[in-house]
Amino acid sequence: MEVGTMNKSELIESLAAKKGLSFKKAEEVVNAIFASMTDALLSGDRIEIRGFGSFVVKAYDAYTGRNPKTGESISVREKKLPFFKVGKELKEKVSGY
């Protein structure tokens, strides 16, 4: 089985083909979904898509790190990163159960 990568353009093409939409209309739908998800995460909301997974924003505290090349101590500021947790149904489908 060959493993590939589906990019945004291929996702739009797939949606257009499966639902009989023009590429432009499918692109509007995909962009609207991504924009809504981004807005929700920026607002601190959790996104849960049953059977697929959930998206949350995790906060990480600041810490003192080390530059691996020089060994110099550096300050790493606090940050927030999006995190995806796969749902049980998707995990089982991918695993072939």
Protein backbone atom coordinates (compact mmCIF):
# COMPACT_ATOMS: atom_id res chain seq x y z
CA MET A 1 0.00 0.00 0.00
CA GLU A 2 1.46 3.34 -1.05
CA VAL A 3 1.25 6.09 1.53
CA GLY A 4 0.65 9.61 0.27
CA THR A 5 -0.39 12.98 1.52
CA MET A 6 -3.70 14.65 0.84
CA ASN A 7 -3.26 18.40 0.65
CA LYS A 8 -5.97 21.05 0.81
CA SER A 9 -6.38 21.21 -2.96
CA GLU A 10 -6.85 17.43 -3.18
CA LEU A 11 -9.39 17.57 -0.34
CA ILE A 12 -11.34 20.21 -2.28
CA GLU A 13 -11.18 18.10 -5.47
CA SER A 14 -12.38 15.03 -3.57
CA LEU A 15 -15.32 16.92 -2.04
CA ALA A 16 -16.25 18.39 -5.42
CA ALA A 17 -16.19 14.95 -7.08
CA LYS A 18 -18.10 13.14 -4.32
CA LYS A 19 -20.83 15.78 -4.00
CA GLY A 20 -21.04 16.99 -7.59
CA LEU A 21 -19.88 20.50 -6.74
CA SER A 22 -17.76 22.87 -8.73
CA PHE A 23 -14.18 23.24 -7.52
CA LYS A 24 -14.96 26.86 -6.52
CA LYS A 25 -18.00 25.87 -4.42
CA ALA A 26 -16.13 22.99 -2.76
CA GLU A 27 -13.25 25.39 -2.01
CA GLU A 28 -15.69 27.81 -0.33
CA VAL A 29 -17.07 24.98 1.82
CA VAL A 30 -13.62 23.74 2.90
CA ASN A 31 -12.40 27.28 3.62
CA ALA A 32 -15.55 28.02 5.66
CA ILE A 33 -15.07 24.87 7.74
CA PHE A 34 -11.39 25.61 8.39
CA ALA A 35 -12.17 29.25 9.26
CA SER A 36 -14.90 28.19 11.70
CA MET A 37 -12.59 25.67 13.35
CA THR A 38 -9.78 28.24 13.61
CA ASP A 39 -12.15 30.82 15.14
CA ALA A 40 -13.39 28.27 17.68
CA LEU A 41 -9.85 27.34 18.76
CA LEU A 42 -8.83 31.01 18.99
CA SER A 43 -11.84 31.57 21.26
CA GLY A 44 -10.67 28.77 23.55
CA ASP A 45 -13.39 26.36 22.47
CA ARG A 46 -12.91 22.62 22.04
CA ILE A 47 -14.01 21.08 18.76
CA GLU A 48 -15.42 17.56 18.94
CA ILE A 49 -16.39 15.63 15.83
CA ARG A 50 -17.91 12.36 16.98
CA GLY A 51 -16.32 9.33 15.37
CA PHE A 52 -13.39 11.42 14.09
CA GLY A 53 -11.66 13.18 16.97
CA SER A 54 -11.34 16.39 18.92
CA PHE A 55 -9.23 19.52 18.68
CA VAL A 56 -8.14 21.54 21.70
CA VAL A 57 -5.60 24.23 22.46
CA LYS A 58 -3.02 23.23 25.06
CA ALA A 59 -1.12 25.86 27.04
CA TYR A 60 2.55 25.29 27.85
CA ASP A 61 4.37 27.25 30.56
CA ALA A 62 7.58 29.15 29.95
CA TYR A 63 10.80 27.30 30.75
CA THR A 64 14.56 27.55 30.52
CA GLY A 65 15.93 25.51 27.64
CA ARG A 66 19.35 24.94 26.19
CA ASN A 67 20.73 25.71 22.75
CA PRO A 68 21.97 22.31 21.55
CA LYS A 69 24.79 23.83 19.47
CA THR A 70 26.28 26.15 22.09
CA GLY A 71 24.96 24.74 25.37
CA GLU A 72 23.81 28.26 26.26
CA SER A 73 20.69 28.55 28.45
CA ILE A 74 17.78 30.28 26.74
CA SER A 75 14.34 31.37 27.88
CA VAL A 76 11.46 29.76 26.06
CA ARG A 77 8.29 31.78 26.50
CA GLU A 78 4.89 30.30 27.22
CA LYS A 79 2.90 29.15 24.23
CA LYS A 80 -0.37 27.65 23.13
CA LEU A 81 -0.53 24.92 20.51
CA PRO A 82 -3.42 23.13 18.81
CA PHE A 83 -3.68 19.44 19.65
CA PHE A 84 -5.70 16.69 17.93
CA LYS A 85 -6.89 13.58 19.72
CA VAL A 86 -8.12 10.83 17.40
CA GLY A 87 -11.57 9.36 18.08
CA LYS A 88 -12.17 5.69 18.81
CA GLU A 89 -14.07 4.98 15.57
CA LEU A 90 -11.39 6.56 13.35
CA LYS A 91 -8.64 4.79 15.27
CA GLU A 92 -10.38 1.45 14.74
CA LYS A 93 -10.95 2.10 11.01
CA VAL A 94 -7.31 3.02 10.46
CA SER A 95 -6.18 -0.03 12.44
CA GLY A 96 -8.43 -2.29 10.38
CA TYR A 97 -10.69 -3.51 13.19
